Amino acid sequence: MGARSSHEMCEDPVRDGPSSSKDLVQLDQTAKRIKSKVYVGGRIDGIACRVSNKRKFTHVLCLEQDTKYPDPEAKYEFMHAPLKDNGTTNLERFVKTIEPFVVAGSTNGKLLIHCSLGCNRAPTIATWYLIKFRKMTFEEAFDLVRSRRQGVNIHPKYEAFLRKVASNYSPMGKKKLAQRVRQKRI
């Protein structure tokens, strides 16, 4: 048996699926608040939102490759933006497409960002949000997401992108960038 990637080792709490809509409503509590209006979760949280939306999300960003929801009568904004789990998506282009939706959800409502398990793709986007809009360093943003959501394991290629973003947006990153520019001039 070959070695499994770290992303294959993420536990899937909903592999067999909930047995009833009552179970879905209870599982809805797995989405974790990252900042006041931004939550990270897995597929079960997206489904639970469709069934009951107890948490009153106004925006749901689904990063899974395939999705069969929301219900056309959903009372929240929905965006399906597939992000590959294997690190091959060009995040620089990707974040440009989701940015207006993330901004709207995080400023005018309550945003749920979810992928299948909530351990790679959704935490990647939540970390990006914290770096770009909350001006955190990569370490601050990643540590916050990891402290709120168990099993976070961002793909190394996505981490490299996030570190690059942090060097442009976080105050500490800008300071380091300015120091490098000064050193090159000398």
N, C-alpha and C. Protein backbone atom coordinates (compact mmCIF):
# COMPACT_ATOMS: atom_id res chain seq x y z
N MET A 1 0.85 -1.18 0.00
CA MET A 1 0.00 0.00 0.00
C MET A 1 0.89 1.23 0.00
N GLY A 2 0.64 2.17 -0.91
CA GLY A 2 1.46 3.37 -1.03
C GLY A 2 1.15 4.38 0.06
N ALA A 3 2.03 5.34 0.19
CA ALA A 3 1.82 6.41 1.18
C ALA A 3 0.66 7.28 0.75
N ARG A 4 -0.10 7.71 1.73
CA ARG A 4 -1.22 8.60 1.45
C ARG A 4 -0.78 10.03 1.66
N SER A 5 -1.35 10.93 0.86
CA SER A 5 -1.04 12.35 1.04
C SER A 5 -1.69 12.83 2.33
N SER A 6 -1.18 13.92 2.85
CA SER A 6 -1.74 14.46 4.08
C SER A 6 -3.20 14.85 3.89
N HIS A 7 -3.58 15.20 2.65
CA HIS A 7 -4.97 15.59 2.41
C HIS A 7 -5.90 14.39 2.39
N GLU A 8 -5.37 13.20 2.04
CA GLU A 8 -6.19 12.00 2.10
C GLU A 8 -6.40 11.55 3.53
N MET A 9 -5.56 12.03 4.44
CA MET A 9 -5.66 11.62 5.84
C MET A 9 -6.65 12.46 6.63
N CYS A 10 -7.16 13.54 6.04
CA CYS A 10 -8.17 14.33 6.73
C CYS A 10 -9.37 13.43 6.99
N GLU A 11 -9.87 13.47 8.19
CA GLU A 11 -11.02 12.64 8.51
C GLU A 11 -12.27 13.21 7.88
N ASP A 12 -13.15 12.35 7.42
CA ASP A 12 -14.42 12.77 6.84
C ASP A 12 -15.53 12.40 7.80
N PRO A 13 -16.01 13.37 8.60
CA PRO A 13 -17.04 13.07 9.59
C PRO A 13 -18.38 12.73 8.96
N VAL A 14 -18.53 12.96 7.68
CA VAL A 14 -19.82 12.72 7.05
C VAL A 14 -19.72 11.70 5.92
N ARG A 15 -18.72 10.83 5.97
CA ARG A 15 -18.49 9.87 4.89
C ARG A 15 -19.76 9.10 4.57
N ASP A 16 -20.45 8.63 5.58
CA ASP A 16 -21.67 7.86 5.35
C ASP A 16 -22.91 8.73 5.31
N GLY A 17 -22.76 10.00 5.59
CA GLY A 17 -23.88 10.92 5.54
C GLY A 17 -24.76 10.82 6.77
N PRO A 18 -25.45 11.89 7.08
CA PRO A 18 -26.37 11.88 8.21
C PRO A 18 -27.58 11.02 7.89
N SER A 19 -28.19 10.47 8.93
CA SER A 19 -29.32 9.58 8.70
C SER A 19 -30.65 10.32 8.58
N SER A 20 -30.71 11.57 8.98
CA SER A 20 -31.96 12.32 8.87
C SER A 20 -31.68 13.81 8.82
N SER A 21 -32.71 14.58 8.47
CA SER A 21 -32.54 16.04 8.44
C SER A 21 -32.29 16.57 9.85
N LYS A 22 -32.78 15.85 10.89
CA LYS A 22 -32.50 16.25 12.27
C LYS A 22 -30.99 16.18 12.54
N ASP A 23 -30.33 15.12 12.03
CA ASP A 23 -28.88 15.01 12.17
C ASP A 23 -28.18 16.16 11.47
N LEU A 24 -28.68 16.56 10.31
CA LEU A 24 -28.09 17.68 9.57
C LEU A 24 -28.13 18.96 10.39
N VAL A 25 -29.26 19.21 11.03
CA VAL A 25 -29.40 20.42 11.83
C VAL A 25 -28.40 20.42 12.97
N GLN A 26 -28.19 19.27 13.60
CA GLN A 26 -27.21 19.19 14.69
C GLN A 26 -25.79 19.34 14.17
N LEU A 27 -25.49 18.77 13.01
CA LEU A 27 -24.15 18.85 12.45
C LEU A 27 -23.81 20.24 11.95
N ASP A 28 -24.81 21.07 11.73
CA ASP A 28 -24.60 22.44 11.28
C ASP A 28 -23.65 23.18 12.22
N GLN A 29 -23.50 22.72 13.44
CA GLN A 29 -22.64 23.37 14.42
C GLN A 29 -21.16 23.12 14.17
N THR A 30 -20.81 22.37 13.13
CA THR A 30 -19.39 22.12 12.88
C THR A 30 -18.69 23.29 12.21
N ALA A 31 -19.43 24.19 11.57
CA ALA A 31 -18.80 25.37 10.97
C ALA A 31 -18.22 26.22 12.09
N LYS A 32 -17.00 26.66 11.92
CA LYS A 32 -16.31 27.41 12.97
C LYS A 32 -16.15 28.87 12.58
N ARG A 33 -16.43 29.75 13.54
CA ARG A 33 -16.30 31.19 13.31
C ARG A 33 -14.82 31.55 13.32
N ILE A 34 -14.39 32.20 12.25
CA ILE A 34 -13.00 32.65 12.15
C ILE A 34 -12.91 34.11 12.59
N LYS A 35 -13.78 34.93 12.08
CA LYS A 35 -13.95 36.32 12.51
C LYS A 35 -15.45 36.54 12.59
N SER A 36 -15.86 37.67 13.12
CA SER A 36 -17.27 37.87 13.46
C SER A 36 -18.26 37.44 12.38
N LYS A 37 -17.96 37.65 11.11
CA LYS A 37 -18.93 37.31 10.06
C LYS A 37 -18.42 36.28 9.07
N VAL A 38 -17.32 35.62 9.39
CA VAL A 38 -16.71 34.65 8.48
C VAL A 38 -16.57 33.30 9.18
N TYR A 39 -17.12 32.26 8.56
CA TYR A 39 -17.10 30.90 9.10
C TYR A 39 -16.48 29.95 8.09
N VAL A 40 -15.84 28.89 8.59
CA VAL A 40 -15.25 27.86 7.74
C VAL A 40 -15.87 26.52 8.11
N GLY A 41 -16.21 25.75 7.08
CA GLY A 41 -16.80 24.45 7.35
C GLY A 41 -16.57 23.48 6.22
N GLY A 42 -17.27 22.36 6.31
CA GLY A 42 -17.20 21.30 5.31
C GLY A 42 -18.53 21.16 4.60
N ARG A 43 -18.61 20.14 3.76
CA ARG A 43 -19.81 19.89 2.96
C ARG A 43 -21.07 19.82 3.83
N ILE A 44 -20.96 19.17 4.96
CA ILE A 44 -22.14 19.01 5.81
C ILE A 44 -22.70 20.36 6.25
N ASP A 45 -21.84 21.35 6.41
CA ASP A 45 -22.30 22.68 6.80
C ASP A 45 -23.06 23.36 5.67
N GLY A 46 -22.59 23.14 4.44
CA GLY A 46 -23.31 23.67 3.29
C GLY A 46 -24.68 23.03 3.15
N ILE A 47 -24.74 21.73 3.35
CA ILE A 47 -26.02 21.02 3.26
C ILE A 47 -26.94 21.45 4.39
N ALA A 48 -26.40 21.54 5.60
CA ALA A 48 -27.21 21.95 6.75
C ALA A 48 -27.75 23.36 6.56
N CYS A 49 -26.98 24.20 5.92
CA CYS A 49 -27.43 25.56 5.64
C CYS A 49 -28.66 25.52 4.74
N ARG A 50 -28.63 24.64 3.77
CA ARG A 50 -29.77 24.50 2.86
C ARG A 50 -31.00 23.98 3.59
N VAL A 51 -30.79 23.05 4.53
CA VAL A 51 -31.92 22.43 5.23
C VAL A 51 -32.55 23.38 6.24
N SER A 52 -31.72 24.07 7.04
CA SER A 52 -32.31 24.89 8.10
C SER A 52 -31.75 26.30 8.20
N ASN A 53 -30.50 26.48 7.85
CA ASN A 53 -29.80 27.76 7.98
C ASN A 53 -30.03 28.39 9.35
N LYS A 54 -29.85 27.56 10.40
CA LYS A 54 -30.01 28.04 11.77
C LYS A 54 -29.10 29.22 12.08
N ARG A 55 -27.94 29.24 11.48
CA ARG A 55 -26.98 30.31 11.77
C ARG A 55 -27.22 31.57 10.94
N LYS A 56 -28.19 31.51 10.08
CA LYS A 56 -28.60 32.66 9.28
C LYS A 56 -27.48 33.22 8.40
N PHE A 57 -26.81 32.31 7.67
CA PHE A 57 -25.80 32.75 6.72
C PHE A 57 -26.48 33.50 5.59
N THR A 58 -25.88 34.58 5.16
CA THR A 58 -26.41 35.35 4.03
C THR A 58 -25.68 35.02 2.74
N HIS A 59 -24.46 34.47 2.88
CA HIS A 59 -23.63 34.13 1.73
C HIS A 59 -22.96 32.78 1.99
N VAL A 60 -23.00 31.90 1.00
CA VAL A 60 -22.34 30.60 1.10
C VAL A 60 -21.43 30.44 -0.11
N LEU A 61 -20.13 30.27 0.16
CA LEU A 61 -19.13 30.05 -0.88
C LEU A 61 -18.73 28.59 -0.85
N CYS A 62 -19.09 27.85 -1.90
CA CYS A 62 -18.79 26.42 -2.00
C CYS A 62 -17.57 26.23 -2.90
N LEU A 63 -16.52 25.62 -2.35
CA LEU A 63 -15.27 25.42 -3.07
C LEU A 63 -15.11 24.01 -3.61
N GLU A 64 -16.12 23.17 -3.42
CA GLU A 64 -16.06 21.78 -3.90
C GLU A 64 -16.10 21.74 -5.42
N GLN A 65 -15.61 20.64 -5.99
CA GLN A 65 -15.63 20.49 -7.44
C GLN A 65 -17.07 20.36 -7.96
N ASP A 66 -17.87 19.58 -7.28
CA ASP A 66 -19.26 19.37 -7.68
C ASP A 66 -20.17 19.75 -6.53
N THR A 67 -21.36 20.21 -6.87
CA THR A 67 -22.34 20.51 -5.83
C THR A 67 -23.74 20.32 -6.39
N LYS A 68 -24.65 19.89 -5.53
CA LYS A 68 -26.03 19.69 -5.95
C LYS A 68 -26.97 20.64 -5.20
N TYR A 69 -26.44 21.63 -4.59
CA TYR A 69 -27.25 22.59 -3.87
C TYR A 69 -26.71 23.96 -4.18
N PRO A 70 -27.36 25.05 -3.90
CA PRO A 70 -28.48 25.17 -2.99
C PRO A 70 -29.81 24.94 -3.69
N ASP A 71 -30.82 24.92 -2.91
CA ASP A 71 -32.17 24.89 -3.39
C ASP A 71 -32.40 26.21 -4.13
N PRO A 72 -33.06 26.18 -5.28
CA PRO A 72 -33.31 27.44 -6.00
C PRO A 72 -34.06 28.48 -5.16
N GLU A 73 -34.74 28.02 -4.13
CA GLU A 73 -35.49 28.94 -3.27
C GLU A 73 -34.70 29.36 -2.03
N ALA A 74 -33.40 29.09 -2.02
CA ALA A 74 -32.57 29.44 -0.86
C ALA A 74 -32.66 30.93 -0.58
N LYS A 75 -32.62 31.26 0.71
CA LYS A 75 -32.73 32.65 1.12
C LYS A 75 -31.35 33.23 1.45
N TYR A 76 -30.35 32.79 0.71
CA TYR A 76 -29.00 33.32 0.87
C TYR A 76 -28.33 33.34 -0.50
N GLU A 77 -27.31 34.16 -0.61
CA GLU A 77 -26.53 34.23 -1.84
C GLU A 77 -25.60 33.02 -1.88
N PHE A 78 -25.43 32.45 -3.05
CA PHE A 78 -24.62 31.25 -3.19
C PHE A 78 -23.65 31.42 -4.34
N MET A 79 -22.40 31.03 -4.10
CA MET A 79 -21.41 31.04 -5.17
C MET A 79 -20.69 29.70 -5.17
N HIS A 80 -20.68 29.07 -6.34
CA HIS A 80 -19.93 27.82 -6.50
C HIS A 80 -18.66 28.17 -7.27
N ALA A 81 -17.52 28.06 -6.59
CA ALA A 81 -16.22 28.38 -7.18
C ALA A 81 -15.28 27.20 -6.91
N PRO A 82 -15.24 26.22 -7.81
CA PRO A 82 -14.42 25.03 -7.57
C PRO A 82 -12.94 25.37 -7.42
N LEU A 83 -12.36 24.86 -6.34
CA LEU A 83 -10.94 25.03 -6.05
C LEU A 83 -10.36 23.63 -5.90
N LYS A 84 -9.31 23.34 -6.64
CA LYS A 84 -8.74 21.98 -6.59
C LYS A 84 -8.03 21.74 -5.27
N ASP A 85 -8.22 20.55 -4.74
CA ASP A 85 -7.64 20.16 -3.46
C ASP A 85 -6.15 19.87 -3.57
N ASN A 86 -5.67 19.62 -4.80
CA ASN A 86 -4.28 19.19 -4.99
C ASN A 86 -3.29 20.35 -5.20
N GLY A 87 -3.74 21.58 -5.02
CA GLY A 87 -2.83 22.72 -5.11
C GLY A 87 -2.58 23.24 -6.50
N THR A 88 -3.30 22.77 -7.51
CA THR A 88 -3.02 23.17 -8.88
C THR A 88 -3.83 24.37 -9.38
N THR A 89 -4.77 24.85 -8.61
CA THR A 89 -5.53 26.03 -9.02
C THR A 89 -4.64 27.27 -8.93
N ASN A 90 -4.73 28.13 -9.93
CA ASN A 90 -4.01 29.40 -9.90
C ASN A 90 -4.76 30.33 -8.94
N LEU A 91 -4.27 30.42 -7.71
CA LEU A 91 -4.98 31.20 -6.69
C LEU A 91 -4.99 32.69 -6.98
N GLU A 92 -3.98 33.19 -7.66
CA GLU A 92 -3.96 34.62 -7.97
C GLU A 92 -5.19 35.00 -8.81
N ARG A 93 -5.50 34.19 -9.81
CA ARG A 93 -6.70 34.43 -10.62
C ARG A 93 -7.97 34.09 -9.85
N PHE A 94 -7.91 33.00 -9.12
CA PHE A 94 -9.08 32.50 -8.40
C PHE A 94 -9.62 33.54 -7.41
N VAL A 95 -8.74 34.13 -6.60
CA VAL A 95 -9.22 35.06 -5.58
C VAL A 95 -9.84 36.31 -6.20
N LYS A 96 -9.41 36.67 -7.40
CA LYS A 96 -10.03 37.82 -8.08
C LYS A 96 -11.49 37.54 -8.40
N THR A 97 -11.82 36.28 -8.70
CA THR A 97 -13.21 35.95 -9.03
C THR A 97 -14.10 35.88 -7.80
N ILE A 98 -13.54 35.47 -6.66
CA ILE A 98 -14.38 35.33 -5.46
C ILE A 98 -14.37 36.56 -4.57
N GLU A 99 -13.42 37.46 -4.77
CA GLU A 99 -13.26 38.60 -3.87
C GLU A 99 -14.54 39.42 -3.67
N PRO A 100 -15.27 39.81 -4.73
CA PRO A 100 -16.49 40.59 -4.49
C PRO A 100 -17.51 39.86 -3.61
N PHE A 101 -17.63 38.55 -3.81
CA PHE A 101 -18.57 37.76 -3.02
C PHE A 101 -18.13 37.68 -1.57
N VAL A 102 -16.84 37.45 -1.34
CA VAL A 102 -16.30 37.37 0.02
C VAL A 102 -16.45 38.71 0.73
N VAL A 103 -16.18 39.79 0.04
CA VAL A 103 -16.33 41.12 0.64
C VAL A 103 -17.78 41.38 1.00
N ALA A 104 -18.70 41.07 0.09
CA ALA A 104 -20.13 41.27 0.37
C ALA A 104 -20.58 40.45 1.57
N GLY A 105 -20.18 39.19 1.62
CA GLY A 105 -20.59 38.33 2.72
C GLY A 105 -19.99 38.72 4.05
N SER A 106 -18.75 39.18 4.03
CA SER A 106 -18.08 39.51 5.29
C SER A 106 -18.39 40.91 5.79
N THR A 107 -18.94 41.76 4.94
CA THR A 107 -19.27 43.12 5.39
C THR A 107 -20.76 43.35 5.52
N ASN A 108 -21.55 42.74 4.66
CA ASN A 108 -23.00 42.99 4.66
C ASN A 108 -23.82 41.81 5.16
N GLY A 109 -23.19 40.81 5.70
CA GLY A 109 -23.95 39.64 6.12
C GLY A 109 -23.12 38.70 6.95
N LYS A 110 -23.27 37.42 6.66
CA LYS A 110 -22.58 36.36 7.39
C LYS A 110 -22.18 35.30 6.36
N LEU A 111 -20.88 35.06 6.25
CA LEU A 111 -20.32 34.24 5.18
C LEU A 111 -19.88 32.86 5.67
N LEU A 112 -20.32 31.82 4.98
CA LEU A 112 -19.83 30.46 5.20
C LEU A 112 -18.97 30.10 4.00
N ILE A 113 -17.70 29.76 4.26
CA ILE A 113 -16.79 29.26 3.23
C ILE A 113 -16.64 27.77 3.50
N HIS A 114 -16.96 26.93 2.51
CA HIS A 114 -16.82 25.50 2.77
C HIS A 114 -16.30 24.74 1.56
N CYS A 115 -15.64 23.63 1.87
CA CYS A 115 -15.20 22.67 0.86
C CYS A 115 -15.73 21.31 1.32
N SER A 116 -15.10 20.24 0.95
CA SER A 116 -15.61 18.92 1.35
C SER A 116 -15.45 18.67 2.84
N LEU A 117 -14.23 18.86 3.34
CA LEU A 117 -13.93 18.54 4.74
C LEU A 117 -13.61 19.76 5.59
N GLY A 118 -13.33 20.88 4.98
CA GLY A 118 -12.98 22.07 5.75
C GLY A 118 -11.58 22.03 6.31
N CYS A 119 -10.67 21.31 5.62
CA CYS A 119 -9.31 21.24 6.16
C CYS A 119 -8.25 21.83 5.23
N ASN A 120 -8.54 22.05 3.96
CA ASN A 120 -7.54 22.60 3.04
C ASN A 120 -8.08 23.83 2.30
N ARG A 121 -9.06 23.64 1.43
CA ARG A 121 -9.51 24.72 0.56
C ARG A 121 -10.20 25.85 1.30
N ALA A 122 -11.18 25.54 2.13
CA ALA A 122 -11.88 26.59 2.87
C ALA A 122 -10.93 27.33 3.82
N PRO A 123 -10.06 26.63 4.57
CA PRO A 123 -9.09 27.35 5.39
C PRO A 123 -8.12 28.20 4.57
N THR A 124 -7.80 27.76 3.35
CA THR A 124 -6.93 28.57 2.48
C THR A 124 -7.59 29.91 2.19
N ILE A 125 -8.86 29.89 1.83
CA ILE A 125 -9.56 31.13 1.49
C ILE A 125 -9.79 31.98 2.73
N ALA A 126 -10.08 31.36 3.86
CA ALA A 126 -10.23 32.12 5.11
C ALA A 126 -8.92 32.79 5.49
N THR A 127 -7.81 32.09 5.31
CA THR A 127 -6.49 32.66 5.62
C THR A 127 -6.20 33.83 4.68
N TRP A 128 -6.51 33.66 3.41
CA TRP A 128 -6.35 34.75 2.42
C TRP A 128 -7.16 35.97 2.85
N TYR A 129 -8.41 35.75 3.24
CA TYR A 129 -9.27 36.85 3.69
C TYR A 129 -8.63 37.60 4.86
N LEU A 130 -8.14 36.88 5.84
CA LEU A 130 -7.53 37.51 7.02
C LEU A 130 -6.28 38.30 6.65
N ILE A 131 -5.49 37.77 5.75
CA ILE A 131 -4.28 38.47 5.32
C ILE A 131 -4.64 39.74 4.56
N LYS A 132 -5.50 39.61 3.58
CA LYS A 132 -5.80 40.75 2.71
C LYS A 132 -6.67 41.81 3.37
N PHE A 133 -7.71 41.40 4.08
CA PHE A 133 -8.67 42.37 4.59
C PHE A 133 -8.52 42.69 6.06
N ARG A 134 -7.86 41.83 6.80
CA ARG A 134 -7.62 42.10 8.23
C ARG A 134 -6.15 42.43 8.49
N LYS A 135 -5.37 42.46 7.41
CA LYS A 135 -3.95 42.88 7.46
C LYS A 135 -3.11 42.05 8.42
N MET A 136 -3.37 40.75 8.47
CA MET A 136 -2.59 39.86 9.33
C MET A 136 -1.40 39.30 8.56
N THR A 137 -0.39 38.88 9.29
CA THR A 137 0.71 38.14 8.66
C THR A 137 0.19 36.75 8.34
N PHE A 138 0.95 36.00 7.55
CA PHE A 138 0.55 34.63 7.27
C PHE A 138 0.43 33.84 8.56
N GLU A 139 1.43 33.97 9.42
CA GLU A 139 1.44 33.19 10.66
C GLU A 139 0.25 33.53 11.54
N GLU A 140 -0.08 34.81 11.68
CA GLU A 140 -1.23 35.21 12.50
C GLU A 140 -2.52 34.64 11.92
N ALA A 141 -2.70 34.79 10.62
CA ALA A 141 -3.93 34.32 9.97
C ALA A 141 -4.05 32.80 10.05
N PHE A 142 -2.99 32.11 9.70
CA PHE A 142 -3.01 30.65 9.71
C PHE A 142 -3.23 30.11 11.12
N ASP A 143 -2.53 30.69 12.09
CA ASP A 143 -2.70 30.24 13.48
C ASP A 143 -4.13 30.46 13.97
N LEU A 144 -4.74 31.57 13.57
CA LEU A 144 -6.12 31.83 13.97
C LEU A 144 -7.06 30.80 13.36
N VAL A 145 -6.93 30.56 12.07
CA VAL A 145 -7.79 29.57 11.41
C VAL A 145 -7.58 28.19 12.03
N ARG A 146 -6.33 27.82 12.24
CA ARG A 146 -6.03 26.50 12.81
C ARG A 146 -6.54 26.37 14.24
N SER A 147 -6.53 27.47 14.99
CA SER A 147 -7.02 27.41 16.38
C SER A 147 -8.54 27.27 16.44
N ARG A 148 -9.23 27.68 15.39
CA ARG A 148 -10.69 27.61 15.38
C ARG A 148 -11.23 26.37 14.69
N ARG A 149 -10.45 25.79 13.80
CA ARG A 149 -10.93 24.66 13.01
C ARG A 149 -9.93 23.52 13.10
N GLN A 150 -10.35 22.39 13.63
CA GLN A 150 -9.46 21.23 13.76
C GLN A 150 -9.14 20.64 12.39
N GLY A 151 -7.95 20.07 12.27
CA GLY A 151 -7.58 19.34 11.06
C GLY A 151 -7.14 20.20 9.90
N VAL A 152 -6.90 21.49 10.12
CA VAL A 152 -6.48 22.36 9.02
C VAL A 152 -5.13 21.89 8.49
N ASN A 153 -5.07 21.73 7.17
CA ASN A 153 -3.86 21.24 6.52
C ASN A 153 -3.80 21.85 5.11
N ILE A 154 -3.36 23.09 5.02
CA ILE A 154 -3.32 23.80 3.75
C ILE A 154 -2.23 23.22 2.84
N HIS A 155 -2.56 23.04 1.59
CA HIS A 155 -1.61 22.50 0.62
C HIS A 155 -0.39 23.42 0.52
N PRO A 156 0.82 22.86 0.43
CA PRO A 156 2.04 23.68 0.37
C PRO A 156 2.05 24.71 -0.76
N LYS A 157 1.46 24.39 -1.92
CA LYS A 157 1.41 25.37 -3.02
C LYS A 157 0.50 26.54 -2.65
N TYR A 158 -0.61 26.25 -1.97
CA TYR A 158 -1.50 27.32 -1.54
C TYR A 158 -0.85 28.14 -0.43
N GLU A 159 -0.10 27.47 0.44
CA GLU A 159 0.61 28.19 1.50
C GLU A 159 1.62 29.16 0.90
N ALA A 160 2.33 28.74 -0.14
CA ALA A 160 3.31 29.62 -0.79
C ALA A 160 2.63 30.87 -1.34
N PHE A 161 1.45 30.70 -1.94
CA PHE A 161 0.70 31.85 -2.44
C PHE A 161 0.30 32.77 -1.29
N LEU A 162 -0.19 32.20 -0.21
CA LEU A 162 -0.63 33.00 0.94
C LEU A 162 0.53 33.79 1.54
N ARG A 163 1.70 33.19 1.60
CA ARG A 163 2.87 33.90 2.12
C ARG A 163 3.23 35.08 1.21
N LYS A 164 3.08 34.88 -0.09
CA LYS A 164 3.34 35.96 -1.05
C LYS A 164 2.33 37.10 -0.85
N VAL A 165 1.07 36.75 -0.68
CA VAL A 165 0.03 37.76 -0.44
C VAL A 165 0.34 38.52 0.84
N ALA A 166 0.75 37.79 1.87
CA ALA A 166 1.06 38.43 3.16
C ALA A 166 2.20 39.43 3.01
N SER A 167 3.15 39.13 2.14
CA SER A 167 4.27 40.07 1.96
C SER A 167 3.80 41.36 1.31
N ASN A 168 2.65 41.34 0.66
CA ASN A 168 2.10 42.55 0.03
C ASN A 168 1.07 43.28 0.87
N TYR A 169 0.32 42.57 1.71
CA TYR A 169 -0.81 43.17 2.40
C TYR A 169 -0.65 43.39 3.89
N SER A 170 0.04 42.51 4.58
CA SER A 170 0.14 42.69 6.03
C SER A 170 1.18 43.76 6.33
N PRO A 171 0.98 44.55 7.39
CA PRO A 171 1.94 45.60 7.73
C PRO A 171 3.35 45.04 7.90
N MET A 172 3.49 43.88 8.53
CA MET A 172 4.81 43.29 8.73
C MET A 172 5.41 42.89 7.38
N GLY A 173 4.59 42.37 6.50
CA GLY A 173 5.07 41.99 5.18
C GLY A 173 5.54 43.20 4.39
N LYS A 174 4.80 44.30 4.47
CA LYS A 174 5.20 45.52 3.77
C LYS A 174 6.52 46.05 4.33
N LYS A 175 6.68 45.95 5.63
CA LYS A 175 7.91 46.42 6.27
C LYS A 175 9.10 45.59 5.77
N LYS A 176 8.93 44.27 5.72
CA LYS A 176 10.00 43.40 5.23
C LYS A 176 10.30 43.68 3.76
N LEU A 177 9.25 43.91 2.97
CA LEU A 177 9.43 44.21 1.55
C LEU A 177 10.21 45.51 1.38
N ALA A 178 9.88 46.52 2.16
CA ALA A 178 10.59 47.80 2.10
C ALA A 178 12.06 47.62 2.48
N GLN A 179 12.33 46.79 3.47
CA GLN A 179 13.71 46.53 3.88
C GLN A 179 14.49 45.85 2.75
N ARG A 180 13.87 44.91 2.06
CA ARG A 180 14.54 44.23 0.95
C ARG A 180 14.86 45.20 -0.18
N VAL A 181 13.91 46.11 -0.47
CA VAL A 181 14.13 47.11 -1.52
C VAL A 181 15.30 48.01 -1.15
N ARG A 182 15.35 48.46 0.11
CA ARG A 182 16.46 49.31 0.57
C ARG A 182 17.78 48.57 0.47
N GLN A 183 17.80 47.29 0.83
CA GLN A 183 19.04 46.51 0.78
C GLN A 183 19.53 46.35 -0.66
N LYS A 184 18.61 46.22 -1.61
CA LYS A 184 19.01 46.09 -3.01
C LYS A 184 19.63 47.38 -3.53
N ARG A 185 19.18 48.51 -3.02
CA ARG A 185 19.71 49.81 -3.46
C ARG A 185 21.13 50.04 -2.96
N ILE A 186 21.45 49.45 -1.82
CA ILE A 186 22.77 49.69 -1.20
C ILE A 186 23.86 48.96 -1.93
